[in-house]
N, C-alpha and C. Protein backbone atom coordinates (compact mmCIF):
# COMPACT_ATOMS: atom_id res chain seq x y z
N MET A 1 -123.61 -105.77 -21.04
CA MET A 1 -122.91 -104.49 -21.64
C MET A 1 -124.03 -103.53 -21.69
N GLY A 2 -123.00 -102.18 -21.80
CA GLY A 2 -124.03 -101.14 -22.17
C GLY A 2 -122.90 -99.81 -21.94
N ARG A 3 -123.48 -98.45 -22.08
CA ARG A 3 -122.83 -97.44 -21.64
C ARG A 3 -123.07 -96.85 -20.44
N GLY A 4 -123.95 -97.45 -19.59
CA GLY A 4 -123.97 -97.17 -17.73
C GLY A 4 -122.83 -97.94 -17.24
N ASP A 5 -122.51 -97.03 -16.09
CA ASP A 5 -121.38 -97.22 -15.21
C ASP A 5 -121.80 -98.89 -14.16
N LYS A 6 -122.86 -99.37 -14.61
CA LYS A 6 -122.80 -100.20 -13.64
C LYS A 6 -123.57 -101.62 -14.60
N SER A 7 -122.77 -101.65 -15.69
CA SER A 7 -122.42 -102.45 -16.34
C SER A 7 -121.08 -103.30 -16.28
N ASP A 8 -121.38 -104.69 -16.35
CA ASP A 8 -119.67 -105.15 -16.04
C ASP A 8 -118.92 -104.89 -17.13
N VAL A 9 -119.37 -104.44 -18.49
CA VAL A 9 -118.39 -104.55 -19.69
C VAL A 9 -119.06 -102.37 -19.99
N VAL A 10 -118.21 -102.13 -20.09
CA VAL A 10 -118.41 -100.57 -19.99
C VAL A 10 -118.07 -99.69 -21.60
N ILE A 11 -118.75 -99.62 -22.18
CA ILE A 11 -118.72 -99.17 -23.90
C ILE A 11 -118.62 -97.80 -23.86
N PRO A 12 -117.91 -96.51 -23.78
CA PRO A 12 -118.10 -95.60 -23.81
C PRO A 12 -118.39 -94.72 -25.04
N ASP A 13 -119.56 -94.91 -25.69
CA ASP A 13 -120.25 -94.60 -27.03
C ASP A 13 -121.64 -94.00 -26.60
N PRO A 14 -121.80 -92.72 -27.40
CA PRO A 14 -123.35 -92.32 -26.97
C PRO A 14 -124.61 -92.91 -27.82
N GLU A 15 -124.42 -93.89 -28.44
CA GLU A 15 -125.03 -94.91 -29.50
C GLU A 15 -125.45 -95.73 -29.10
N VAL A 16 -125.04 -96.41 -28.00
CA VAL A 16 -124.95 -97.61 -26.82
C VAL A 16 -125.97 -97.31 -26.00
N SER A 17 -127.01 -98.16 -25.70
CA SER A 17 -127.73 -98.09 -24.79
C SER A 17 -127.01 -97.84 -23.33
N ARG A 18 -127.31 -97.53 -22.10
CA ARG A 18 -127.19 -97.69 -20.81
C ARG A 18 -126.94 -99.36 -20.26
N GLN A 19 -128.02 -100.00 -20.66
CA GLN A 19 -128.17 -101.20 -20.58
C GLN A 19 -128.57 -101.91 -22.12
N GLN A 20 -127.39 -102.34 -22.82
CA GLN A 20 -127.69 -102.47 -24.36
C GLN A 20 -127.60 -103.85 -24.49
N VAL A 21 -126.88 -104.73 -24.10
CA VAL A 21 -127.07 -106.65 -24.32
C VAL A 21 -126.10 -106.96 -22.94
N GLN A 22 -127.25 -108.34 -22.47
CA GLN A 22 -126.77 -109.45 -21.71
C GLN A 22 -126.22 -110.44 -22.68
N LEU A 23 -125.41 -111.18 -22.21
CA LEU A 23 -124.75 -112.54 -22.49
C LEU A 23 -125.11 -113.64 -21.52
N SER A 24 -125.47 -114.43 -21.62
CA SER A 24 -125.70 -115.58 -20.52
C SER A 24 -125.40 -117.17 -21.25
N PHE A 25 -125.31 -117.66 -20.42
CA PHE A 25 -124.51 -119.40 -20.96
C PHE A 25 -125.80 -120.23 -20.55
N GLU A 26 -126.09 -121.11 -21.26
CA GLU A 26 -126.65 -122.70 -20.79
C GLU A 26 -125.74 -123.45 -22.03
N GLY A 27 -125.19 -124.21 -20.61
CA GLY A 27 -124.30 -125.16 -21.04
C GLY A 27 -123.31 -124.63 -21.79
N GLU A 28 -122.99 -125.21 -23.00
CA GLU A 28 -121.78 -124.20 -23.87
C GLU A 28 -122.71 -123.35 -24.83
N ARG A 29 -123.55 -123.16 -24.67
CA ARG A 29 -124.57 -122.02 -25.64
C ARG A 29 -124.09 -120.51 -25.00
N CYS A 30 -123.91 -119.70 -25.98
CA CYS A 30 -124.25 -118.36 -25.23
C CYS A 30 -125.17 -117.54 -26.25
N LEU A 31 -125.89 -117.20 -25.01
CA LEU A 31 -126.76 -116.50 -25.44
C LEU A 31 -127.10 -114.61 -25.78
N LEU A 32 -127.47 -114.17 -26.13
CA LEU A 32 -127.97 -112.75 -26.23
C LEU A 32 -128.92 -112.04 -26.32
N ALA A 33 -128.75 -111.26 -25.10
CA ALA A 33 -130.60 -111.08 -24.95
C ALA A 33 -130.70 -108.92 -24.93
N ASP A 34 -130.65 -108.48 -26.28
CA ASP A 34 -130.99 -107.19 -26.18
C ASP A 34 -131.84 -106.62 -25.13
N LEU A 35 -131.72 -105.17 -24.31
CA LEU A 35 -131.75 -104.88 -23.21
C LEU A 35 -132.08 -103.55 -23.39
N SER A 36 -131.79 -103.26 -24.49
CA SER A 36 -132.31 -101.58 -24.99
C SER A 36 -133.47 -101.28 -25.41
N GLY A 37 -134.34 -102.24 -25.94
CA GLY A 37 -135.29 -102.43 -26.54
C GLY A 37 -135.53 -102.05 -28.09
N LYS A 38 -134.52 -101.50 -28.39
CA LYS A 38 -134.02 -101.07 -29.70
C LYS A 38 -133.53 -102.69 -30.64
N GLY A 39 -133.32 -103.08 -30.25
CA GLY A 39 -132.86 -104.45 -30.93
C GLY A 39 -131.11 -104.33 -30.57
N THR A 40 -130.33 -105.48 -30.94
CA THR A 40 -128.79 -105.27 -30.91
C THR A 40 -128.05 -105.74 -32.10
N VAL A 41 -127.41 -105.42 -32.77
CA VAL A 41 -126.65 -105.76 -33.70
C VAL A 41 -125.52 -107.02 -33.71
N ALA A 42 -126.18 -108.10 -34.26
CA ALA A 42 -124.78 -109.17 -34.12
C ALA A 42 -125.12 -109.73 -35.27
N MET A 43 -124.06 -110.24 -35.80
CA MET A 43 -123.61 -110.80 -37.02
C MET A 43 -124.28 -110.29 -38.28
N GLY A 44 -124.15 -108.93 -37.91
CA GLY A 44 -124.72 -108.05 -39.21
C GLY A 44 -125.99 -107.98 -39.34
N LYS A 45 -126.81 -108.31 -38.15
CA LYS A 45 -128.49 -108.66 -38.19
C LYS A 45 -128.89 -107.79 -37.16
N LYS A 46 -129.93 -107.27 -36.88
CA LYS A 46 -130.58 -106.37 -35.96
C LYS A 46 -131.54 -107.66 -34.88
N HIS A 47 -131.51 -108.12 -33.50
CA HIS A 47 -131.97 -109.39 -33.20
C HIS A 47 -132.44 -108.36 -31.45
N SER A 48 -133.09 -109.32 -30.92
CA SER A 48 -133.90 -109.29 -30.06
C SER A 48 -133.13 -110.05 -28.63
N GLU A 49 -133.14 -111.64 -29.32
CA GLU A 49 -132.09 -112.57 -28.90
C GLU A 49 -131.90 -113.28 -30.01
N CYS A 50 -130.44 -113.99 -29.69
CA CYS A 50 -130.06 -114.86 -30.61
C CYS A 50 -129.03 -116.00 -29.60
N GLU A 51 -128.79 -116.49 -30.58
CA GLU A 51 -127.59 -117.66 -30.25
C GLU A 51 -126.20 -117.19 -30.65
N LEU A 52 -125.38 -116.60 -29.83
CA LEU A 52 -123.96 -116.24 -30.49
C LEU A 52 -122.73 -117.23 -30.77
N PRO A 53 -122.86 -117.89 -31.66
CA PRO A 53 -121.49 -118.81 -31.77
C PRO A 53 -120.23 -117.94 -31.81
N ASP A 54 -119.37 -119.00 -31.70
CA ASP A 54 -117.75 -119.00 -31.64
C ASP A 54 -117.61 -118.05 -32.94
N GLY A 55 -117.05 -116.88 -32.55
CA GLY A 55 -116.59 -115.91 -33.89
C GLY A 55 -117.54 -114.74 -34.24
N GLY A 56 -118.87 -115.04 -33.47
CA GLY A 56 -119.89 -113.97 -33.84
C GLY A 56 -119.62 -112.69 -33.28
N ASP A 57 -119.80 -111.62 -33.67
CA ASP A 57 -119.50 -110.04 -33.33
C ASP A 57 -121.12 -109.32 -33.04
N ILE A 58 -120.53 -108.43 -32.17
CA ILE A 58 -121.49 -107.58 -31.66
C ILE A 58 -121.33 -106.34 -32.00
N ALA A 59 -122.62 -105.72 -32.65
CA ALA A 59 -121.89 -103.84 -33.21
C ALA A 59 -122.51 -103.29 -31.46
N LEU A 60 -121.68 -102.55 -31.30
CA LEU A 60 -121.47 -101.33 -29.75
C LEU A 60 -121.51 -99.72 -30.55
N GLY A 61 -121.77 -99.32 -31.43
CA GLY A 61 -121.84 -98.21 -31.61
C GLY A 61 -120.58 -98.17 -32.91
N GLN A 62 -119.80 -97.85 -32.18
CA GLN A 62 -118.23 -97.65 -33.19
C GLN A 62 -117.49 -98.68 -32.62
N TRP A 63 -117.85 -99.58 -31.81
CA TRP A 63 -117.15 -100.68 -31.27
C TRP A 63 -117.72 -102.17 -31.83
N ARG A 64 -116.91 -102.76 -31.86
CA ARG A 64 -117.27 -104.53 -31.99
C ARG A 64 -116.57 -105.00 -31.10
N ALA A 65 -117.75 -106.15 -30.69
CA ALA A 65 -116.82 -107.30 -29.53
C ALA A 65 -117.23 -108.13 -30.16
N VAL A 66 -116.00 -109.42 -30.21
CA VAL A 66 -116.27 -110.65 -30.81
C VAL A 66 -116.01 -112.12 -29.81
N PHE A 67 -117.31 -112.70 -29.77
CA PHE A 67 -117.45 -113.58 -28.62
C PHE A 67 -116.44 -114.92 -29.27
N ARG A 68 -115.34 -115.49 -28.41
CA ARG A 68 -115.18 -116.71 -28.23
C ARG A 68 -115.27 -117.51 -27.33
N ALA A 69 -115.75 -118.37 -27.71
CA ALA A 69 -116.15 -120.07 -26.56
C ALA A 69 -115.02 -120.00 -25.83
N SER A 70 -113.77 -119.95 -26.24
CA SER A 70 -112.72 -120.52 -25.61
C SER A 70 -111.66 -119.50 -25.33
N ALA A 71 -110.60 -119.50 -24.41
CA ALA A 71 -109.51 -118.80 -24.30
C ALA A 71 -108.29 -118.89 -25.92
N GLY A 72 -107.98 -118.16 -26.39
CA GLY A 72 -106.77 -118.68 -27.36
C GLY A 72 -105.39 -119.29 -26.43
N SER A 73 -104.77 -119.69 -27.82
CA SER A 73 -103.56 -120.12 -26.98
C SER A 73 -102.42 -119.38 -27.86
N ALA A 74 -101.14 -120.13 -27.67
CA ALA A 74 -100.42 -119.33 -28.50
C ALA A 74 -99.65 -119.72 -29.79
N GLY A 75 -100.74 -120.83 -30.41
CA GLY A 75 -100.49 -121.30 -31.73
C GLY A 75 -101.70 -120.64 -32.40
N GLU A 76 -102.98 -120.13 -31.96
CA GLU A 76 -103.90 -119.58 -32.54
C GLU A 76 -103.43 -118.74 -33.24
N THR A 77 -104.31 -118.10 -34.26
CA THR A 77 -104.27 -116.55 -35.22
C THR A 77 -105.34 -115.79 -34.32
N ALA A 78 -104.85 -114.62 -34.55
CA ALA A 78 -105.85 -113.38 -33.78
C ALA A 78 -107.19 -113.29 -34.23
N THR A 79 -108.22 -113.10 -34.04
CA THR A 79 -109.22 -112.37 -34.42
C THR A 79 -108.96 -111.40 -35.37
N GLU A 80 -109.37 -111.04 -36.81
CA GLU A 80 -109.17 -109.97 -37.30
C GLU A 80 -110.84 -109.38 -37.82
N LEU A 81 -111.03 -108.03 -37.74
CA LEU A 81 -112.57 -107.74 -38.26
C LEU A 81 -112.24 -106.98 -39.22
N GLY A 82 -110.79 -106.30 -39.05
CA GLY A 82 -110.90 -105.20 -40.59
C GLY A 82 -109.40 -104.91 -41.22
N ARG A 83 -109.07 -104.02 -41.86
CA ARG A 83 -107.97 -104.03 -42.53
C ARG A 83 -106.98 -103.60 -41.36
N VAL A 84 -106.03 -104.38 -41.11
CA VAL A 84 -104.33 -103.98 -40.31
C VAL A 84 -103.34 -103.35 -40.95
N VAL A 85 -103.13 -102.51 -39.87
CA VAL A 85 -101.67 -101.52 -40.91
C VAL A 85 -100.28 -101.64 -39.79
N HIS A 86 -99.47 -102.31 -40.18
CA HIS A 86 -98.59 -102.64 -39.28
C HIS A 86 -97.14 -101.45 -39.47
N ARG A 87 -96.65 -100.83 -38.45
CA ARG A 87 -95.92 -99.74 -38.77
C ARG A 87 -94.77 -100.10 -37.76
N GLY A 88 -93.53 -100.07 -38.50
CA GLY A 88 -92.44 -100.34 -37.97
C GLY A 88 -92.36 -98.78 -37.35
N GLN A 89 -90.77 -99.05 -36.10
CA GLN A 89 -90.69 -97.85 -35.26
C GLN A 89 -90.03 -97.00 -36.18
N ARG A 90 -89.65 -95.85 -35.58
CA ARG A 90 -88.67 -95.30 -36.73
C ARG A 90 -87.12 -94.76 -35.51
N ARG A 91 -86.01 -94.82 -35.93
CA ARG A 91 -84.99 -94.81 -35.00
C ARG A 91 -84.59 -93.78 -35.16
N ARG A 92 -84.47 -93.09 -33.91
CA ARG A 92 -83.96 -91.83 -33.38
C ARG A 92 -82.59 -91.70 -33.83
N GLN A 93 -82.18 -90.52 -34.33
CA GLN A 93 -80.58 -90.55 -34.31
C GLN A 93 -80.30 -89.15 -33.53
């Protein structure tokens, strides 16, 4: 993940390095490796390498990515990182 157009996941934020972070898998473990040389904030702390648990978040400039070990199903609740405001549709007259 990074700002560069060669990243698999492009984050359009000037605070993100062209190559910010790499996620790799060893069995069922997800490993985070910082590629920026400045550290990547994951789960509220700056890391050069760490294991990313299910639900762990990665700060990418003004964006946040949440790692999920498996795809959600219709019965699961959505991931929520902050306050959500739902607004109803206005009726046109």
